[in-house]
C-alpha atoms as a PDB file:
ATOM      1  CA  MET A   1       0.000   0.000   0.000  1.00  0.00           C
ATOM      2  CA  ALA A   2       2.909   2.356   0.584  1.00  0.00           C
ATOM      3  CA  GLY A   3       3.738   2.359  -3.137  1.00  0.00           C
ATOM      4  CA  LEU A   4       0.163   3.283  -3.996  1.00  0.00           C
ATOM      5  CA  LYS A   5       0.298   6.347  -1.748  1.00  0.00           C
ATOM      6  CA  THR A   6       3.514   7.440  -3.405  1.00  0.00           C
ATOM      7  CA  ARG A   7       2.010   6.984  -6.845  1.00  0.00           C
ATOM      8  CA  LYS A   8      -1.089   8.981  -5.821  1.00  0.00           C
ATOM      9  CA  LYS A   9       1.095  11.726  -4.429  1.00  0.00           C
ATOM     10  CA  GLN A  10       3.157  11.820  -7.615  1.00  0.00           C
ATOM     11  CA  ARG A  11       0.010  12.099  -9.748  1.00  0.00           C
ATOM     12  CA  LEU A  12      -1.319  14.836  -7.497  1.00  0.00           C
ATOM     13  CA  VAL A  13       1.950  16.770  -7.707  1.00  0.00           C
ATOM     14  CA  VAL A  14       2.152  16.388 -11.513  1.00  0.00           C
ATOM     15  CA  ALA A  15      -1.519  17.348 -11.959  1.00  0.00           C
ATOM     16  CA  SER A  16      -1.193  20.401  -9.707  1.00  0.00           C
ATOM     17  CA  LEU A  17       1.958  21.538 -11.529  1.00  0.00           C
ATOM     18  CA  ALA A  18       0.220  21.121 -14.893  1.00  0.00           C
ATOM     19  CA  VAL A  19      -2.831  23.095 -13.741  1.00  0.00           C
ATOM     20  CA  SER A  20      -0.571  25.820 -12.310  1.00  0.00           C
ATOM     21  CA  ALA A  21       1.441  26.046 -15.537  1.00  0.00           C
ATOM     22  CA  ILE A  22      -1.708  26.288 -17.666  1.00  0.00           C
ATOM     23  CA  ALA A  23      -3.218  28.925 -15.363  1.00  0.00           C
ATOM     24  CA  GLY A  24       0.037  30.903 -15.470  1.00  0.00           C
ATOM     25  CA  ALA A  25       0.155  30.735 -19.260  1.00  0.00           C
ATOM     26  CA  ILE A  26      -3.451  31.922 -19.527  1.00  0.00           C
ATOM     27  CA  LEU A  27      -2.788  34.826 -17.162  1.00  0.00           C
ATOM     28  CA  LEU A  28       0.342  35.762 -19.109  1.00  0.00           C
ATOM     29  CA  VAL A  29      -1.566  35.803 -22.419  1.00  0.00           C
ATOM     30  CA  ILE A  30      -4.370  37.883 -20.910  1.00  0.00           C
ATOM     31  CA  PHE A  31      -1.832  40.344 -19.478  1.00  0.00           C
ATOM     32  CA  ALA A  32       0.085  40.576 -22.775  1.00  0.00           C
ATOM     33  CA  LEU A  33      -3.059  41.160 -24.852  1.00  0.00           C
ATOM     34  CA  GLY A  34      -4.735  43.574 -22.468  1.00  0.00           C
ATOM     35  CA  GLY A  35      -5.415  47.233 -23.137  1.00  0.00           C
ATOM     36  CA  ASP A  36      -5.029  48.857 -26.542  1.00  0.00           C
ATOM     37  CA  SER A  37      -2.589  46.274 -27.853  1.00  0.00           C
ATOM     38  CA  LEU A  38      -5.473  44.214 -29.258  1.00  0.00           C
ATOM     39  CA  SER A  39      -6.031  46.685 -32.082  1.00  0.00           C
ATOM     40  CA  LEU A  40      -3.778  46.186 -35.079  1.00  0.00           C
ATOM     41  CA  PHE A  41      -3.361  49.890 -35.649  1.00  0.00           C
ATOM     42  CA  LEU A  42      -4.973  53.260 -35.014  1.00  0.00           C
ATOM     43  CA  GLN A  43      -6.292  55.453 -37.785  1.00  0.00           C
ATOM     44  CA  PRO A  44      -5.638  59.221 -37.733  1.00  0.00           C
ATOM     45  CA  SER A  45      -9.105  60.070 -36.373  1.00  0.00           C
ATOM     46  CA  ASP A  46      -8.578  57.497 -33.573  1.00  0.00           C
ATOM     47  CA  VAL A  47      -5.261  59.156 -32.686  1.00  0.00           C
ATOM     48  CA  GLN A  48      -6.928  62.549 -32.428  1.00  0.00           C
ATOM     49  CA  GLN A  49      -9.901  61.232 -30.436  1.00  0.00           C
ATOM     50  CA  LYS A  50      -7.718  59.327 -27.955  1.00  0.00           C
ATOM     51  CA  GLN A  51      -5.256  62.229 -27.736  1.00  0.00           C
ATOM     52  CA  ILE A  52      -2.197  59.980 -27.850  1.00  0.00           C
ATOM     53  CA  VAL A  53       0.677  61.515 -25.891  1.00  0.00           C
ATOM     54  CA  ALA A  54       3.977  62.331 -27.553  1.00  0.00           C
ATOM     55  CA  GLY A  55       6.539  59.545 -27.373  1.00  0.00           C
ATOM     56  CA  LYS A  56       4.067  56.661 -26.977  1.00  0.00           C
ATOM     57  CA  ARG A  57       4.714  53.948 -29.576  1.00  0.00           C
ATOM     58  CA  PHE A  58       1.809  52.662 -31.654  1.00  0.00           C
ATOM     59  CA  ARG A  59       0.877  51.647 -35.176  1.00  0.00           C
ATOM     60  CA  LEU A  60      -0.715  54.199 -37.455  1.00  0.00           C
ATOM     61  CA  GLY A  61      -2.675  52.960 -40.443  1.00  0.00           C
ATOM     62  CA  GLY A  62      -4.664  54.464 -43.267  1.00  0.00           C
ATOM     63  CA  LEU A  63      -4.140  55.688 -46.809  1.00  0.00           C
ATOM     64  CA  VAL A  64      -1.188  57.683 -48.091  1.00  0.00           C
ATOM     65  CA  ALA A  65      -2.801  61.001 -49.037  1.00  0.00           C
ATOM     66  CA  MET A  66      -2.561  61.976 -52.690  1.00  0.00           C
ATOM     67  CA  GLY A  67       0.048  64.685 -53.325  1.00  0.00           C
ATOM     68  CA  SER A  68       1.594  64.389 -49.878  1.00  0.00           C
ATOM     69  CA  PHE A  69       4.702  62.318 -50.644  1.00  0.00           C
ATOM     70  CA  GLY A  70       8.062  64.043 -50.663  1.00  0.00           C
ATOM     71  CA  ARG A  71      11.748  63.342 -50.133  1.00  0.00           C
ATOM     72  CA  GLU A  72      14.033  65.463 -47.987  1.00  0.00           C
ATOM     73  CA  SER A  73      17.486  66.644 -49.062  1.00  0.00           C
ATOM     74  CA  ASP A  74      19.341  63.650 -47.584  1.00  0.00           C
ATOM     75  CA  ASP A  75      17.484  61.300 -50.011  1.00  0.00           C
ATOM     76  CA  LEU A  76      16.816  58.804 -47.213  1.00  0.00           C
ATOM     77  CA  THR A  77      14.138  60.686 -45.274  1.00  0.00           C
ATOM     78  CA  TYR A  78      10.622  60.686 -46.658  1.00  0.00           C
ATOM     79  CA  ARG A  79       7.572  62.624 -45.627  1.00  0.00           C
ATOM     80  CA  PHE A  80       3.954  61.828 -46.415  1.00  0.00           C
ATOM     81  CA  THR A  81       0.541  62.124 -44.839  1.00  0.00           C
ATOM     82  CA  VAL A  82      -1.569  59.229 -43.576  1.00  0.00           C
ATOM     83  CA  THR A  83      -5.304  59.878 -43.813  1.00  0.00           C
ATOM     84  CA  ASP A  84      -8.558  58.140 -43.044  1.00  0.00           C
ATOM     85  CA  CYS A  85     -10.444  60.853 -44.971  1.00  0.00           C
ATOM     86  CA  ALA A  86     -11.576  62.512 -41.740  1.00  0.00           C
ATOM     87  CA  ALA A  87      -8.189  63.334 -40.216  1.00  0.00           C
ATOM     88  CA  ASP A  88      -4.600  63.554 -41.450  1.00  0.00           C
ATOM     89  CA  ILE A  89      -1.303  62.927 -39.668  1.00  0.00           C
ATOM     90  CA  PRO A  90       2.042  63.936 -41.204  1.00  0.00           C
ATOM     91  CA  VAL A  91       4.639  61.155 -41.150  1.00  0.00           C
ATOM     92  CA  ARG A  92       8.438  61.197 -41.441  1.00  0.00           C
ATOM     93  CA  PHE A  93      10.364  58.023 -42.192  1.00  0.00           C
ATOM     94  CA  ARG A  94      14.083  57.465 -42.631  1.00  0.00           C
ATOM     95  CA  GLY A  95      15.004  54.315 -44.496  1.00  0.00           C
ATOM     96  CA  LEU A  96      13.969  52.277 -47.503  1.00  0.00           C
ATOM     97  CA  LEU A  97      10.306  52.237 -48.428  1.00  0.00           C
ATOM     98  CA  PRO A  98       8.630  48.991 -49.539  1.00  0.00           C
ATOM     99  CA  ASP A  99       8.135  48.427 -53.276  1.00  0.00           C
ATOM    100  CA  LEU A 100       4.331  48.616 -52.968  1.00  0.00           C
ATOM    101  CA  PHE A 101       4.407  52.019 -51.260  1.00  0.00           C
ATOM    102  CA  ARG A 102       2.655  54.755 -53.252  1.00  0.00           C
ATOM    103  CA  GLU A 103       0.113  57.523 -52.839  1.00  0.00           C
ATOM    104  CA  GLY A 104      -3.471  56.352 -52.536  1.00  0.00           C
ATOM    105  CA  GLN A 105      -2.430  52.935 -51.167  1.00  0.00           C
ATOM    106  CA  GLY A 106      -2.957  51.541 -47.709  1.00  0.00           C
ATOM    107  CA  VAL A 107      -0.062  51.778 -45.279  1.00  0.00           C
ATOM    108  CA  VAL A 108       0.691  50.748 -41.700  1.00  0.00           C
ATOM    109  CA  THR A 109       3.520  52.567 -39.944  1.00  0.00           C
ATOM    110  CA  GLU A 110       5.029  51.969 -36.528  1.00  0.00           C
ATOM    111  CA  GLY A 111       6.587  54.686 -34.420  1.00  0.00           C
ATOM    112  CA  ALA A 112       5.665  57.578 -32.137  1.00  0.00           C
ATOM    113  CA  LEU A 113       4.233  61.079 -32.276  1.00  0.00           C
ATOM    114  CA  THR A 114       6.384  64.110 -31.583  1.00  0.00           C
ATOM    115  CA  ALA A 115       5.199  67.072 -29.512  1.00  0.00           C
ATOM    116  CA  ASP A 116       4.321  68.982 -32.712  1.00  0.00           C
ATOM    117  CA  GLY A 117       2.068  66.171 -34.008  1.00  0.00           C
ATOM    118  CA  VAL A 118       4.402  64.591 -36.581  1.00  0.00           C
ATOM    119  CA  PHE A 119       4.517  60.795 -36.529  1.00  0.00           C
ATOM    120  CA  ILE A 120       8.136  59.567 -36.687  1.00  0.00           C
ATOM    121  CA  ALA A 121       7.978  56.085 -38.182  1.00  0.00           C
ATOM    122  CA  ASP A 122      10.706  53.489 -37.907  1.00  0.00           C
ATOM    123  CA  THR A 123       8.766  50.837 -39.837  1.00  0.00           C
ATOM    124  CA  VAL A 124       6.556  51.228 -42.917  1.00  0.00           C
ATOM    125  CA  LEU A 125       4.444  48.392 -44.281  1.00  0.00           C
ATOM    126  CA  ALA A 126       2.593  48.894 -47.563  1.00  0.00           C
ATOM    127  CA  LYS A 127      -0.662  47.091 -48.197  1.00  0.00           C
ATOM    128  CA  HIS A 128      -1.293  46.113 -51.795  1.00  0.00           C
ATOM    129  CA  ASP A 129      -4.482  47.031 -53.603  1.00  0.00           C
ATOM    130  CA  GLU A 130      -6.988  44.266 -54.200  1.00  0.00           C
ATOM    131  CA  ASN A 131     -10.705  44.176 -54.780  1.00  0.00           C
ATOM    132  CA  TYR A 132     -11.280  42.302 -51.526  1.00  0.00           C
ATOM    133  CA  ALA A 133     -10.596  44.237 -48.347  1.00  0.00           C
ATOM    134  CA  PRO A 134     -11.150  42.470 -45.019  1.00  0.00           C
ATOM    135  CA  PRO A 135     -13.444  44.272 -42.570  1.00  0.00           C
ATOM    136  CA  GLY A 136     -11.630  46.981 -40.622  1.00  0.00           C
ATOM    137  CA  THR A 137      -8.802  47.558 -43.110  1.00  0.00           C
ATOM    138  CA  MET A 138     -10.396  50.393 -45.057  1.00  0.00           C
ATOM    139  CA  PRO A 139     -10.678  53.822 -43.440  1.00  0.00           C
ATOM    140  CA  LYS A 140     -13.627  54.050 -41.083  1.00  0.00           C
ATOM    141  CA  ASN A 141     -14.741  57.221 -42.827  1.00  0.00           C
ATOM    142  CA  ALA A 142     -14.420  55.942 -46.392  1.00  0.00           C
ATOM    143  CA  GLU A 143     -17.585  57.794 -47.415  1.00  0.00           C
ATOM    144  CA  ALA A 144     -15.732  61.051 -46.705  1.00  0.00           C
ATOM    145  CA  CYS A 145     -13.176  60.050 -49.380  1.00  0.00           C
ATOM    146  CA  THR A 146     -15.719  59.882 -52.179  1.00  0.00           C
ATOM    147  CA  HIS A 147     -16.182  62.520 -54.836  1.00  0.00           C
ATOM    148  CA  PRO A 148     -19.604  63.646 -56.066  1.00  0.00           C
ATOM    149  CA  GLU A 149     -19.298  61.109 -58.912  1.00  0.00           C
ATOM    150  CA  GLY A 150     -19.098  58.336 -56.298  1.00  0.00           C
ATOM    151  CA  LEU A 151     -15.374  57.673 -56.837  1.00  0.00           C
ATOM    152  CA  SER A 152     -12.851  57.464 -54.049  1.00  0.00           C
ATOM    153  CA  ASP A 153      -9.831  59.801 -54.040  1.00  0.00           C
ATOM    154  CA  TYR A 154      -7.634  56.999 -55.378  1.00  0.00           C
ATOM    155  CA  GLU A 155     -10.112  56.052 -58.144  1.00  0.00           C
ATOM    156  CA  ALA A 156     -10.488  59.699 -59.150  1.00  0.00           C
ATOM    157  CA  GLU A 157      -6.701  60.206 -59.355  1.00  0.00           C
ATOM    158  CA  THR A 158      -5.858  56.977 -61.170  1.00  0.00           C
ATOM    159  CA  GLY A 159      -8.977  56.580 -63.287  1.00  0.00           C
ATOM    160  CA  ARG A 160      -9.558  53.035 -61.963  1.00  0.00           C
END
């Protein structure tokens, strides 16, 4: 009978360690995903509504505004504006832009705001244009981007 008690104790110890490890992993995942980190990115109108403080890192997503792209004198620093058709945020990025980056296309940038409201990006991801757009990837205020003819800014500029 003594061996049976030892085996029961071993099972109890192993089971309690397994339950504790699973509970710890669940708590760690909940802690890591808590708060605003669940959203993939903020759009310019979200940034203005939430009044994001300068220096806080986040992802900014939207469309590259038509006519806003420019290169600074060092040829490695770019400036452009990210818009969701209701609000605009100027962006500065130093580095190499992705091949798919262009005005009128979707973009997700990662970085922080400065005190004067310029978003300094250290990462730029371009989203390619397709007919299918998953829910939540187009600007929330897409109707504000349409022209009287019913075309979006991008369609009006490119004729597509």
